[in-house]
Amino acid sequence: MEQKEALRKIRDDPENTLCFDCGNIDITFTSISLGILLCAGCASAHRYLIPEISEIKAFDSNYTQKQLKLLAMGGNASLKSFLAMYSIPCNDSIEYKYRTKACIYYKEMLDMMASGKECTMLTPSESEGAELADEYVDKDFSSERTSDAERLSIKKYNTVGDEELKDEHPSRFMNAIRSVEAFASEAYNVVGDSVKEKTEQGISYFRKKFRRSSGKTPSVED
């Protein structure tokens, strides 16, 4: 299976057909570190506002095996459901939602899952998940919690073209570009026919950890 087909299957997930932040149907970028799909405007906003958190990549670029796993195990539905457990809407402000303890935890957890590592981090409690992560406590992003579509003029950040974003770090991905055919079975077994299954497994996994940390007992359906 070619990488193009794997990405098509990721894109075909109903929740991945719209930009995670604003709902735009023109999906042209991914946030590798967050495992979500974005439009060009929101991708540029990520680069401008949260470059330390969100690694942006053109959707039709070449991906490493781990990057494909991040997209398959993550996805818009998984992050949306996880943030909802902390009452953080997916259309909350970019500066705020991605700097919360819940989102930073999710980002690190997703990375461990994609790397095949066991996560030993404590899941944020329901009350602390919506708080800003420690490194951002001196900045009050929570006071501006309004929709990005309403509050941000996304187009003003859209100054970086697709080609510049795509070619920004050629050396980082040179080995991946040279060995696309070597992604082979492991990467595509993850993304192939099981994108929806992996997303549901990820959501279930996060819910169980969340409930254990908050003293709740997982339901039978989990």
Protein backbone atom coordinates (compact mmCIF):
# COMPACT_ATOMS: atom_id res chain seq x y z
CA MET A 1 0.00 0.00 0.00
CA GLU A 2 1.36 3.40 -0.91
CA GLN A 3 1.62 6.27 1.54
CA LYS A 4 -0.89 8.24 -0.55
CA GLU A 5 -3.50 5.55 0.04
CA ALA A 6 -2.78 5.51 3.78
CA LEU A 7 -3.27 9.27 3.98
CA ARG A 8 -6.48 8.99 1.96
CA LYS A 9 -7.88 6.58 4.52
CA ILE A 10 -6.95 8.93 7.35
CA ARG A 11 -8.63 11.79 5.50
CA ASP A 12 -11.74 9.67 4.85
CA ASP A 13 -12.49 9.44 8.56
CA PRO A 14 -15.62 11.65 8.86
CA GLU A 15 -14.13 13.64 11.75
CA ASN A 16 -11.00 14.34 9.70
CA THR A 17 -12.83 15.98 6.80
CA LEU A 18 -13.08 19.32 8.62
CA CYS A 19 -10.42 21.54 10.17
CA PHE A 20 -10.15 20.75 13.88
CA ASP A 21 -10.06 24.42 14.86
CA CYS A 22 -12.54 26.20 12.58
CA GLY A 23 -14.47 23.54 10.66
CA ASN A 24 -13.18 24.57 7.23
CA ILE A 25 -13.62 21.80 4.65
CA ASP A 26 -10.36 22.63 2.86
CA ILE A 27 -7.95 20.38 4.78
CA THR A 28 -4.39 20.88 3.53
CA PHE A 29 -2.19 20.51 6.63
CA THR A 30 -1.64 18.32 9.67
CA SER A 31 -0.33 19.00 13.14
CA ILE A 32 1.91 15.97 13.55
CA SER A 33 2.51 16.45 17.26
CA LEU A 34 -1.21 16.79 18.01
CA GLY A 35 -2.40 14.24 15.45
CA ILE A 36 -5.03 16.52 13.90
CA LEU A 37 -5.93 17.90 10.46
CA LEU A 38 -6.13 21.63 9.72
CA CYS A 39 -6.90 24.16 7.02
CA ALA A 40 -4.16 26.46 5.70
CA GLY A 41 -5.31 29.41 7.81
CA CYS A 42 -5.33 27.54 11.11
CA ALA A 43 -2.06 25.80 10.25
CA SER A 44 -0.45 29.21 9.83
CA ALA A 45 -2.00 30.33 13.12
CA HIS A 46 -0.43 27.31 14.82
CA ARG A 47 2.96 28.26 13.39
CA TYR A 48 2.53 31.85 14.55
CA LEU A 49 0.96 31.24 17.98
CA ILE A 50 2.10 27.84 19.27
CA PRO A 51 5.22 26.74 17.35
CA GLU A 52 6.59 25.07 20.47
CA ILE A 53 3.56 22.76 20.66
CA SER A 54 2.29 22.14 17.15
CA GLU A 55 4.53 20.75 14.38
CA ILE A 56 2.85 21.63 11.10
CA LYS A 57 3.25 19.62 7.91
CA ALA A 58 1.54 19.84 4.51
CA PHE A 59 -0.94 16.99 4.24
CA ASP A 60 0.47 15.57 1.01
CA SER A 61 4.09 15.60 2.22
CA ASN A 62 6.16 12.51 2.94
CA TYR A 63 5.79 11.07 6.44
CA THR A 64 7.92 8.91 8.67
CA GLN A 65 6.43 5.74 10.12
CA LYS A 66 5.98 7.37 13.52
CA GLN A 67 4.28 10.42 12.01
CA LEU A 68 1.74 8.20 10.26
CA LYS A 69 1.08 6.48 13.58
CA LEU A 70 0.53 9.83 15.29
CA LEU A 71 -2.15 10.69 12.74
CA ALA A 72 -3.76 7.24 12.84
CA MET A 73 -3.78 6.87 16.63
CA GLY A 74 -4.76 10.49 17.09
CA GLY A 75 -7.17 12.15 14.69
CA ASN A 76 -9.65 14.96 15.18
CA ALA A 77 -12.23 12.78 16.93
CA SER A 78 -9.81 11.54 19.57
CA LEU A 79 -8.52 14.97 20.62
CA LYS A 80 -12.03 16.45 20.48
CA SER A 81 -13.36 13.75 22.82
CA PHE A 82 -10.42 14.06 25.19
CA LEU A 83 -10.73 17.84 25.51
CA ALA A 84 -14.49 17.48 25.99
CA MET A 85 -13.83 15.51 29.19
CA TYR A 86 -12.36 18.74 30.55
CA SER A 87 -15.08 20.96 29.06
CA ILE A 88 -12.65 22.44 26.52
CA PRO A 89 -14.44 22.96 23.17
CA CYS A 90 -12.42 22.18 20.05
CA ASN A 91 -13.21 25.69 18.76
CA ASP A 92 -11.78 27.38 21.86
CA SER A 93 -8.88 29.77 21.26
CA ILE A 94 -5.66 28.32 19.88
CA GLU A 95 -3.53 30.14 22.45
CA TYR A 96 -5.54 28.70 25.32
CA LYS A 97 -6.69 25.15 24.51
CA TYR A 98 -3.36 23.83 23.28
CA ARG A 99 -1.54 25.17 26.34
CA THR A 100 -3.82 23.49 28.89
CA LYS A 101 -2.58 20.66 31.08
CA ALA A 102 -5.04 18.35 29.37
CA CYS A 103 -3.75 19.06 25.87
CA ILE A 104 -0.06 18.94 26.85
CA TYR A 105 -0.74 15.59 28.51
CA TYR A 106 -2.57 14.34 25.40
CA LYS A 107 0.30 15.41 23.15
CA GLU A 108 2.88 13.58 25.26
CA MET A 109 0.63 10.54 25.67
CA LEU A 110 0.07 10.33 21.91
CA ASP A 111 3.80 10.48 21.31
CA MET A 112 4.38 7.60 23.72
CA MET A 113 1.63 5.53 22.12
CA ALA A 114 3.09 6.08 18.65
CA SER A 115 6.53 5.12 19.97
CA GLY A 116 5.20 1.92 21.53
CA LYS A 117 6.03 3.10 25.04
CA GLU A 118 3.96 2.68 28.19
CA CYS A 119 2.76 5.95 29.65
CA THR A 120 3.50 6.44 33.35
CA MET A 121 2.37 10.06 33.54
CA LEU A 122 -0.49 11.01 35.83
CA THR A 123 -3.61 11.96 33.92
CA PRO A 124 -4.82 15.48 34.85
CA SER A 125 -7.86 15.48 37.09
CA GLU A 126 -11.14 16.86 35.79
CA SER A 127 -10.58 20.10 37.69
CA GLU A 128 -6.97 20.73 36.70
CA GLY A 129 -7.12 19.65 33.05
CA ALA A 130 -8.48 23.01 31.87
CA GLU A 131 -5.73 24.90 33.71
CA LEU A 132 -2.76 26.26 31.79
CA ALA A 133 0.35 24.08 31.92
CA ASP A 134 2.95 25.27 34.42
CA GLU A 135 5.15 26.89 31.77
CA TYR A 136 2.27 29.15 30.73
CA VAL A 137 0.78 30.15 34.09
CA ASP A 138 2.19 33.68 33.87
CA LYS A 139 0.14 34.34 30.74
CA ASP A 140 -3.62 34.69 30.91
CA PHE A 141 -4.93 33.02 27.77
CA SER A 142 -8.06 31.79 29.53
CA SER A 143 -9.47 35.33 29.69
CA GLU A 144 -9.78 35.30 25.90
CA ARG A 145 -11.63 32.00 25.52
CA THR A 146 -13.71 32.76 22.46
CA SER A 147 -13.99 30.98 19.14
CA ASP A 148 -10.97 31.27 16.88
CA ALA A 149 -13.28 31.72 13.92
CA GLU A 150 -14.75 34.82 15.61
CA ARG A 151 -11.77 36.25 17.50
CA LEU A 152 -8.86 35.61 15.17
CA SER A 153 -8.52 37.01 11.70
CA ILE A 154 -6.95 33.77 10.60
CA LYS A 155 -6.11 35.06 7.14
CA LYS A 156 -3.60 37.56 8.50
CA TYR A 157 -1.49 34.64 9.71
CA ASN A 158 -1.78 32.88 6.37
CA THR A 159 1.43 34.37 4.98
CA VAL A 160 3.31 31.12 4.50
CA GLY A 161 2.44 29.24 1.31
CA ASP A 162 1.96 25.50 1.00
CA GLU A 163 5.28 25.00 -0.74
CA GLU A 164 7.25 26.88 1.92
CA LEU A 165 5.63 24.86 4.68
CA LYS A 166 6.20 21.66 2.76
CA ASP A 167 9.89 22.34 2.15
CA GLU A 168 10.75 24.05 5.42
CA HIS A 169 12.83 21.25 6.92
CA PRO A 170 14.06 19.15 3.98
CA SER A 171 17.00 17.69 5.89
CA ARG A 172 14.78 16.40 8.69
CA PHE A 173 12.73 14.31 6.31
CA MET A 174 15.40 13.37 3.76
CA ASN A 175 15.79 9.86 5.09
CA ALA A 176 12.03 9.40 5.13
CA ILE A 177 11.72 10.63 1.56
CA ARG A 178 14.39 8.18 0.45
CA SER A 179 12.77 5.27 2.22
CA VAL A 180 9.04 5.72 1.66
CA GLU A 181 8.82 2.20 0.25
CA ALA A 182 10.40 0.87 3.47
CA PHE A 183 7.48 2.04 5.62
CA ALA A 184 6.11 -1.43 4.82
CA SER A 185 3.61 -3.36 6.84
CA GLU A 186 3.85 -1.88 10.34
CA ALA A 187 2.92 1.69 9.43
CA TYR A 188 0.19 0.67 7.04
CA ASN A 189 -1.25 -1.97 9.31
CA VAL A 190 -1.89 0.91 11.69
CA VAL A 191 -3.39 3.28 9.14
CA GLY A 192 -4.79 0.85 6.60
CA ASP A 193 -8.31 -0.35 7.30
CA SER A 194 -8.28 0.44 11.01
CA VAL A 195 -8.21 4.24 11.24
CA LYS A 196 -11.62 4.42 12.90
CA GLU A 197 -10.81 1.46 15.16
CA LYS A 198 -7.55 3.05 16.29
CA THR A 199 -9.29 6.35 16.97
CA GLU A 200 -11.93 4.61 19.08
CA GLN A 201 -9.24 2.66 20.94
CA GLY A 202 -7.39 5.87 21.66
CA ILE A 203 -10.49 7.57 23.01
CA SER A 204 -11.30 4.54 25.19
CA TYR A 205 -7.74 4.40 26.51
CA PHE A 206 -7.74 8.07 27.48
CA ARG A 207 -11.14 7.77 29.15
CA LYS A 208 -10.01 4.84 31.27
CA LYS A 209 -6.89 6.66 32.45
CA PHE A 210 -8.94 9.78 33.13
CA ARG A 211 -11.48 7.90 35.21
CA ARG A 212 -8.84 6.03 37.19
CA SER A 213 -7.08 9.30 38.04
CA SER A 214 -10.34 10.93 39.12
CA GLY A 215 -11.55 7.95 41.14
CA LYS A 216 -14.31 7.01 38.69
CA THR A 217 -14.96 3.44 37.61
CA PRO A 218 -14.87 2.85 33.83
CA SER A 219 -18.23 1.88 32.37
CA VAL A 220 -18.85 -1.48 30.72
CA GLU A 221 -18.80 0.08 27.25
CA ASP A 222 -15.21 1.25 27.81
